[in-house]
Amino acid sequence: MTDSTAAPALLPTAPAIEAQLREQLQPSALQVIDESGDHAGHVGANAEGFGTHFRVRIASPLFAGKSRVAQHRLVYDAMQNFIAQGLHALAIEVIQNP
């Protein structure tokens, strides 16, 4: 039996994701976009229309010399707590240091 009075889990927000990435990856450029509203009705979307699908554009000195897969892994590693909160899809665009 589930408790219907339990408070809903906090959904990820773009500012929270941005703060986490800034803390862990020290980006020289960063843009976090919540694209959840574009995915209404898709698998993983929710009724709230936010907090499930994000795009991250990021440049970080920590990416230097790493493969694209290793760069993406650093971002995913930084996002683990948000995945537990309901982050369903994360599009990562690694950009060159500005």
Foldseek 3Di string as FASTA:
>chain_A
DDDPPDDAFDADDQVVLVVLCCVQFVFLDKDKDWPLLVQPPHPLHDPVSTRAEMEMETEGPVCPPPDPVVVVVSSVVSCVVNVVRRHHYYHYHYDYRD
